[in-house]
Amino acid sequence: MTAQKIKHNPRLFLKRAMEIQRRQLLLAMADAVSECRTAESMAAELNGDGETGLLRLAEIWCCLSPDTGGRIMEGRGAELLADVLAQVYACLILRPLHTPAGMGLYVELLYMMEALMLGEWFD
């Protein structure tokens, strides 16, 4: 890589890091949606961490698609979590993030998916 390339693209490393984080996150989110559907079929209940995570995911969903108006969410625990998670996933597929704040969101969501997959959100 030449100094010229770095000079013309100072965000090159951020862009590469974000692509890697995004790929990892999307894989983890797809697994988490599946895990939530399984938990739903087993009538699993969200614990305190799960309820907090659901609220944070709903907040993220609203921030990622602010021009879509209000949202009505219906369902119980794991079903609602799977639905909101799928909506956040769809937003990230359609509109990838490209800013340092986006990197922060990718890392936060990846952490949340790891906790969810370890069963820390269900009783």
N, C-alpha and C. Protein backbone atom coordinates (compact mmCIF):
# COMPACT_ATOMS: atom_id res chain seq x y z
N MET A 1 0.85 -1.16 0.00
CA MET A 1 0.00 0.00 0.00
C MET A 1 0.90 1.23 0.00
N THR A 2 0.55 2.13 -0.81
CA THR A 2 1.36 3.33 -0.91
C THR A 2 0.85 4.41 0.02
N ALA A 3 1.73 5.35 0.33
CA ALA A 3 1.34 6.49 1.16
C ALA A 3 0.26 7.30 0.46
N GLN A 4 0.28 7.27 -0.84
CA GLN A 4 -0.71 8.00 -1.64
C GLN A 4 -2.13 7.47 -1.35
N LYS A 5 -2.28 6.14 -1.29
CA LYS A 5 -3.59 5.54 -1.02
C LYS A 5 -4.10 5.95 0.35
N ILE A 6 -3.24 5.89 1.34
CA ILE A 6 -3.64 6.27 2.70
C ILE A 6 -4.00 7.74 2.75
N LYS A 7 -3.23 8.55 2.06
CA LYS A 7 -3.50 9.99 2.04
C LYS A 7 -4.88 10.28 1.45
N HIS A 8 -5.26 9.54 0.43
CA HIS A 8 -6.54 9.77 -0.23
C HIS A 8 -7.70 9.07 0.45
N ASN A 9 -7.43 8.12 1.30
CA ASN A 9 -8.49 7.39 1.97
C ASN A 9 -8.12 7.14 3.43
N PRO A 10 -8.19 8.18 4.26
CA PRO A 10 -7.77 8.02 5.65
C PRO A 10 -8.67 7.09 6.45
N ARG A 11 -9.86 6.79 5.96
CA ARG A 11 -10.79 5.92 6.69
C ARG A 11 -10.72 4.48 6.20
N LEU A 12 -9.68 4.16 5.45
CA LEU A 12 -9.54 2.83 4.88
C LEU A 12 -9.62 1.74 5.94
N PHE A 13 -8.93 1.90 7.05
CA PHE A 13 -8.89 0.87 8.08
C PHE A 13 -10.22 0.78 8.82
N LEU A 14 -10.85 1.92 9.04
CA LEU A 14 -12.18 1.91 9.65
C LEU A 14 -13.16 1.17 8.75
N LYS A 15 -13.10 1.43 7.46
CA LYS A 15 -14.00 0.78 6.51
C LYS A 15 -13.81 -0.73 6.54
N ARG A 16 -12.57 -1.18 6.53
CA ARG A 16 -12.30 -2.63 6.57
C ARG A 16 -12.78 -3.24 7.87
N ALA A 17 -12.50 -2.56 8.97
CA ALA A 17 -12.92 -3.07 10.29
C ALA A 17 -14.44 -3.15 10.36
N MET A 18 -15.13 -2.16 9.81
CA MET A 18 -16.58 -2.16 9.84
C MET A 18 -17.16 -3.28 8.99
N GLU A 19 -16.54 -3.57 7.86
CA GLU A 19 -17.01 -4.67 7.02
C GLU A 19 -16.91 -6.00 7.76
N ILE A 20 -15.80 -6.19 8.47
CA ILE A 20 -15.61 -7.42 9.24
C ILE A 20 -16.63 -7.50 10.38
N GLN A 21 -16.79 -6.42 11.13
CA GLN A 21 -17.76 -6.40 12.23
C GLN A 21 -19.17 -6.64 11.72
N ARG A 22 -19.52 -6.01 10.61
CA ARG A 22 -20.86 -6.16 10.05
C ARG A 22 -21.12 -7.61 9.66
N ARG A 23 -20.16 -8.24 9.00
CA ARG A 23 -20.30 -9.64 8.60
C ARG A 23 -20.52 -10.53 9.82
N GLN A 24 -19.68 -10.35 10.84
CA GLN A 24 -19.81 -11.15 12.06
C GLN A 24 -21.16 -10.91 12.73
N LEU A 25 -21.57 -9.64 12.78
CA LEU A 25 -22.83 -9.30 13.42
C LEU A 25 -24.01 -9.93 12.69
N LEU A 26 -24.04 -9.82 11.37
CA LEU A 26 -25.18 -10.36 10.63
C LEU A 26 -25.30 -11.87 10.80
N LEU A 27 -24.18 -12.57 10.84
CA LEU A 27 -24.22 -14.01 11.09
C LEU A 27 -24.76 -14.30 12.48
N ALA A 28 -24.28 -13.55 13.46
CA ALA A 28 -24.74 -13.74 14.84
C ALA A 28 -26.22 -13.40 14.98
N MET A 29 -26.67 -12.36 14.30
CA MET A 29 -28.07 -11.97 14.39
C MET A 29 -28.98 -13.03 13.76
N ALA A 30 -28.57 -13.60 12.64
CA ALA A 30 -29.37 -14.65 12.02
C ALA A 30 -29.51 -15.85 12.96
N ASP A 31 -28.42 -16.22 13.61
CA ASP A 31 -28.47 -17.31 14.60
C ASP A 31 -29.36 -16.94 15.78
N ALA A 32 -29.28 -15.69 16.22
CA ALA A 32 -30.07 -15.24 17.37
C ALA A 32 -31.56 -15.24 17.07
N VAL A 33 -31.94 -14.84 15.85
CA VAL A 33 -33.36 -14.88 15.47
C VAL A 33 -33.85 -16.32 15.54
N SER A 34 -33.06 -17.24 15.02
CA SER A 34 -33.42 -18.66 15.06
C SER A 34 -33.54 -19.14 16.50
N GLU A 35 -32.61 -18.73 17.34
CA GLU A 35 -32.63 -19.11 18.75
C GLU A 35 -33.88 -18.58 19.44
N CYS A 36 -34.27 -17.36 19.10
CA CYS A 36 -35.49 -16.77 19.68
C CYS A 36 -36.73 -17.54 19.24
N ARG A 37 -36.77 -17.94 17.99
CA ARG A 37 -37.91 -18.73 17.50
C ARG A 37 -37.99 -20.07 18.22
N THR A 38 -36.84 -20.68 18.49
CA THR A 38 -36.81 -21.93 19.26
C THR A 38 -37.30 -21.69 20.68
N ALA A 39 -36.82 -20.61 21.30
CA ALA A 39 -37.25 -20.27 22.66
C ALA A 39 -38.75 -20.00 22.70
N GLU A 40 -39.26 -19.37 21.65
CA GLU A 40 -40.70 -19.10 21.55
C GLU A 40 -41.48 -20.41 21.51
N SER A 41 -41.02 -21.37 20.73
CA SER A 41 -41.73 -22.64 20.63
C SER A 41 -41.69 -23.43 21.93
N MET A 42 -40.69 -23.15 22.77
CA MET A 42 -40.58 -23.81 24.08
C MET A 42 -41.23 -22.97 25.19
N ALA A 43 -41.89 -21.89 24.82
CA ALA A 43 -42.58 -20.99 25.75
C ALA A 43 -41.62 -20.41 26.80
N ALA A 44 -40.39 -20.13 26.39
CA ALA A 44 -39.41 -19.52 27.31
C ALA A 44 -39.82 -18.08 27.60
N GLU A 45 -39.53 -17.65 28.81
CA GLU A 45 -39.84 -16.29 29.23
C GLU A 45 -38.56 -15.46 29.30
N LEU A 46 -38.67 -14.18 28.94
CA LEU A 46 -37.54 -13.27 29.06
C LEU A 46 -37.30 -12.94 30.53
N ASN A 47 -36.04 -12.88 30.92
CA ASN A 47 -35.71 -12.41 32.27
C ASN A 47 -35.47 -10.89 32.20
N GLY A 48 -34.96 -10.31 33.27
CA GLY A 48 -34.72 -8.86 33.31
C GLY A 48 -33.77 -8.39 32.22
N ASP A 49 -32.69 -9.15 32.01
CA ASP A 49 -31.74 -8.79 30.95
C ASP A 49 -32.41 -8.88 29.58
N GLY A 50 -33.25 -9.88 29.39
CA GLY A 50 -33.94 -10.05 28.12
C GLY A 50 -34.91 -8.91 27.84
N GLU A 51 -35.63 -8.47 28.87
CA GLU A 51 -36.55 -7.35 28.70
C GLU A 51 -35.79 -6.07 28.39
N THR A 52 -34.68 -5.85 29.09
CA THR A 52 -33.85 -4.67 28.82
C THR A 52 -33.28 -4.73 27.41
N GLY A 53 -32.82 -5.91 27.00
CA GLY A 53 -32.29 -6.08 25.65
C GLY A 53 -33.35 -5.83 24.59
N LEU A 54 -34.56 -6.31 24.84
CA LEU A 54 -35.66 -6.09 23.91
C LEU A 54 -35.95 -4.60 23.75
N LEU A 55 -35.99 -3.88 24.86
CA LEU A 55 -36.22 -2.43 24.80
C LEU A 55 -35.11 -1.72 24.05
N ARG A 56 -33.87 -2.13 24.28
CA ARG A 56 -32.74 -1.50 23.58
C ARG A 56 -32.81 -1.81 22.09
N LEU A 57 -33.16 -3.03 21.73
CA LEU A 57 -33.29 -3.38 20.31
C LEU A 57 -34.41 -2.58 19.64
N ALA A 58 -35.50 -2.38 20.36
CA ALA A 58 -36.60 -1.57 19.82
C ALA A 58 -36.15 -0.13 19.61
N GLU A 59 -35.36 0.38 20.54
CA GLU A 59 -34.82 1.73 20.41
C GLU A 59 -33.89 1.83 19.20
N ILE A 60 -33.04 0.84 19.03
CA ILE A 60 -32.13 0.81 17.88
C ILE A 60 -32.91 0.74 16.58
N TRP A 61 -33.94 -0.10 16.56
CA TRP A 61 -34.79 -0.23 15.37
C TRP A 61 -35.40 1.11 14.99
N CYS A 62 -35.90 1.84 15.98
CA CYS A 62 -36.50 3.15 15.71
C CYS A 62 -35.45 4.13 15.17
N CYS A 63 -34.25 4.08 15.70
CA CYS A 63 -33.18 4.98 15.24
C CYS A 63 -32.71 4.63 13.82
N LEU A 64 -32.72 3.35 13.49
CA LEU A 64 -32.26 2.92 12.16
C LEU A 64 -33.28 3.20 11.06
N SER A 65 -34.53 3.37 11.43
CA SER A 65 -35.56 3.63 10.41
C SER A 65 -36.53 4.71 10.92
N PRO A 66 -36.01 5.93 11.11
CA PRO A 66 -36.82 6.98 11.72
C PRO A 66 -37.97 7.48 10.86
N ASP A 67 -37.90 7.31 9.57
CA ASP A 67 -38.91 7.86 8.67
C ASP A 67 -40.08 6.91 8.41
N THR A 68 -40.16 5.82 9.14
CA THR A 68 -41.22 4.84 8.88
C THR A 68 -42.42 5.03 9.80
N GLY A 69 -42.41 6.04 10.64
CA GLY A 69 -43.56 6.29 11.52
C GLY A 69 -43.53 5.43 12.76
N GLY A 70 -44.67 5.39 13.44
CA GLY A 70 -44.78 4.63 14.69
C GLY A 70 -44.79 3.14 14.45
N ARG A 71 -44.58 2.43 15.52
CA ARG A 71 -44.56 0.98 15.46
C ARG A 71 -45.51 0.42 16.50
N ILE A 72 -46.24 -0.60 16.12
CA ILE A 72 -47.08 -1.32 17.06
C ILE A 72 -46.47 -2.70 17.18
N MET A 73 -46.08 -3.03 18.39
CA MET A 73 -45.44 -4.32 18.62
C MET A 73 -46.39 -5.18 19.44
N GLU A 74 -46.67 -6.35 18.93
CA GLU A 74 -47.55 -7.28 19.63
C GLU A 74 -46.84 -8.61 19.76
N GLY A 75 -47.17 -9.30 20.81
CA GLY A 75 -46.59 -10.62 21.02
C GLY A 75 -46.10 -10.76 22.43
N ARG A 76 -45.51 -11.90 22.70
CA ARG A 76 -44.98 -12.17 24.02
C ARG A 76 -43.48 -12.42 23.92
N GLY A 77 -42.79 -12.06 24.95
CA GLY A 77 -41.38 -12.30 25.15
C GLY A 77 -40.54 -12.68 23.95
N ALA A 78 -40.30 -13.97 23.80
CA ALA A 78 -39.38 -14.46 22.78
C ALA A 78 -39.89 -14.17 21.37
N GLU A 79 -41.20 -14.22 21.17
CA GLU A 79 -41.77 -13.91 19.86
C GLU A 79 -41.51 -12.46 19.49
N LEU A 80 -41.76 -11.57 20.42
CA LEU A 80 -41.53 -10.14 20.20
C LEU A 80 -40.05 -9.86 19.99
N LEU A 81 -39.21 -10.50 20.78
CA LEU A 81 -37.76 -10.34 20.63
C LEU A 81 -37.31 -10.77 19.23
N ALA A 82 -37.78 -11.92 18.77
CA ALA A 82 -37.41 -12.41 17.44
C ALA A 82 -37.87 -11.44 16.35
N ASP A 83 -39.08 -10.91 16.50
CA ASP A 83 -39.61 -9.98 15.49
C ASP A 83 -38.80 -8.68 15.44
N VAL A 84 -38.50 -8.11 16.60
CA VAL A 84 -37.74 -6.86 16.64
C VAL A 84 -36.32 -7.10 16.14
N LEU A 85 -35.74 -8.19 16.55
CA LEU A 85 -34.39 -8.54 16.10
C LEU A 85 -34.35 -8.70 14.58
N ALA A 86 -35.36 -9.32 14.01
CA ALA A 86 -35.43 -9.49 12.56
C ALA A 86 -35.55 -8.13 11.86
N GLN A 87 -36.27 -7.19 12.46
CA GLN A 87 -36.40 -5.86 11.88
C GLN A 87 -35.07 -5.10 11.90
N VAL A 88 -34.34 -5.22 13.02
CA VAL A 88 -33.02 -4.58 13.10
C VAL A 88 -32.09 -5.19 12.06
N TYR A 89 -32.13 -6.51 11.94
CA TYR A 89 -31.32 -7.22 10.94
C TYR A 89 -31.62 -6.69 9.54
N ALA A 90 -32.91 -6.56 9.22
CA ALA A 90 -33.30 -6.07 7.90
C ALA A 90 -32.79 -4.64 7.67
N CYS A 91 -32.87 -3.80 8.68
CA CYS A 91 -32.37 -2.43 8.55
C CYS A 91 -30.87 -2.42 8.24
N LEU A 92 -30.13 -3.28 8.91
CA LEU A 92 -28.68 -3.32 8.71
C LEU A 92 -28.31 -3.92 7.35
N ILE A 93 -29.14 -4.80 6.84
CA ILE A 93 -28.92 -5.35 5.49
C ILE A 93 -29.16 -4.26 4.45
N LEU A 94 -30.25 -3.53 4.62
CA LEU A 94 -30.64 -2.53 3.62
C LEU A 94 -29.80 -1.26 3.68
N ARG A 95 -29.37 -0.88 4.89
CA ARG A 95 -28.62 0.36 5.06
C ARG A 95 -27.42 0.13 5.99
N PRO A 96 -26.33 -0.40 5.46
CA PRO A 96 -25.13 -0.60 6.28
C PRO A 96 -24.65 0.74 6.87
N LEU A 97 -24.08 0.66 8.03
CA LEU A 97 -23.56 1.86 8.70
C LEU A 97 -22.11 2.10 8.28
N HIS A 98 -21.71 3.37 8.21
CA HIS A 98 -20.36 3.70 7.71
C HIS A 98 -19.62 4.71 8.59
N THR A 99 -20.07 4.92 9.79
CA THR A 99 -19.45 5.93 10.65
C THR A 99 -18.85 5.28 11.89
N PRO A 100 -18.01 6.01 12.61
CA PRO A 100 -17.51 5.47 13.87
C PRO A 100 -18.64 5.12 14.85
N ALA A 101 -19.71 5.91 14.85
CA ALA A 101 -20.86 5.58 15.70
C ALA A 101 -21.49 4.26 15.26
N GLY A 102 -21.49 4.01 13.95
CA GLY A 102 -21.99 2.75 13.43
C GLY A 102 -21.16 1.57 13.92
N MET A 103 -19.84 1.77 13.99
CA MET A 103 -18.95 0.73 14.51
C MET A 103 -19.32 0.42 15.96
N GLY A 104 -19.58 1.48 16.72
CA GLY A 104 -19.98 1.29 18.12
C GLY A 104 -21.27 0.48 18.22
N LEU A 105 -22.21 0.77 17.34
CA LEU A 105 -23.47 0.04 17.34
C LEU A 105 -23.25 -1.42 16.95
N TYR A 106 -22.42 -1.67 15.95
CA TYR A 106 -22.11 -3.04 15.56
C TYR A 106 -21.54 -3.83 16.75
N VAL A 107 -20.63 -3.23 17.47
CA VAL A 107 -19.99 -3.91 18.61
C VAL A 107 -21.02 -4.16 19.72
N GLU A 108 -21.85 -3.15 20.00
CA GLU A 108 -22.89 -3.31 21.02
C GLU A 108 -23.84 -4.45 20.65
N LEU A 109 -24.30 -4.46 19.40
CA LEU A 109 -25.22 -5.50 18.97
C LEU A 109 -24.57 -6.88 19.00
N LEU A 110 -23.30 -6.95 18.62
CA LEU A 110 -22.61 -8.24 18.67
C LEU A 110 -22.52 -8.75 20.10
N TYR A 111 -22.24 -7.86 21.03
CA TYR A 111 -22.22 -8.24 22.45
C TYR A 111 -23.60 -8.73 22.89
N MET A 112 -24.64 -8.03 22.47
CA MET A 112 -26.00 -8.43 22.82
C MET A 112 -26.33 -9.81 22.24
N MET A 113 -25.92 -10.07 21.02
CA MET A 113 -26.21 -11.36 20.39
C MET A 113 -25.49 -12.49 21.11
N GLU A 114 -24.27 -12.23 21.56
CA GLU A 114 -23.53 -13.25 22.30
C GLU A 114 -24.24 -13.60 23.60
N ALA A 115 -24.71 -12.58 24.32
CA ALA A 115 -25.43 -12.81 25.57
C ALA A 115 -26.73 -13.58 25.31
N LEU A 116 -27.43 -13.20 24.27
CA LEU A 116 -28.68 -13.87 23.92
C LEU A 116 -28.42 -15.34 23.58
N MET A 117 -27.39 -15.59 22.78
CA MET A 117 -27.09 -16.96 22.36
C MET A 117 -26.61 -17.84 23.52
N LEU A 118 -26.06 -17.22 24.56
CA LEU A 118 -25.65 -17.98 25.74
C LEU A 118 -26.82 -18.24 26.66
N GLY A 119 -28.00 -17.77 26.29
CA GLY A 119 -29.19 -18.01 27.09
C GLY A 119 -29.36 -17.06 28.26
N GLU A 120 -28.58 -15.99 28.27
CA GLU A 120 -28.62 -15.06 29.40
C GLU A 120 -29.86 -14.17 29.42
N TRP A 121 -30.67 -14.23 28.37
CA TRP A 121 -31.86 -13.39 28.30
C TRP A 121 -33.14 -14.15 28.63
N PHE A 122 -33.04 -15.43 28.90
CA PHE A 122 -34.22 -16.24 29.17
C PHE A 122 -34.13 -16.91 30.54
N ASP A 123 -35.30 -17.10 31.15
CA ASP A 123 -35.35 -17.86 32.41
C ASP A 123 -35.39 -19.34 32.11
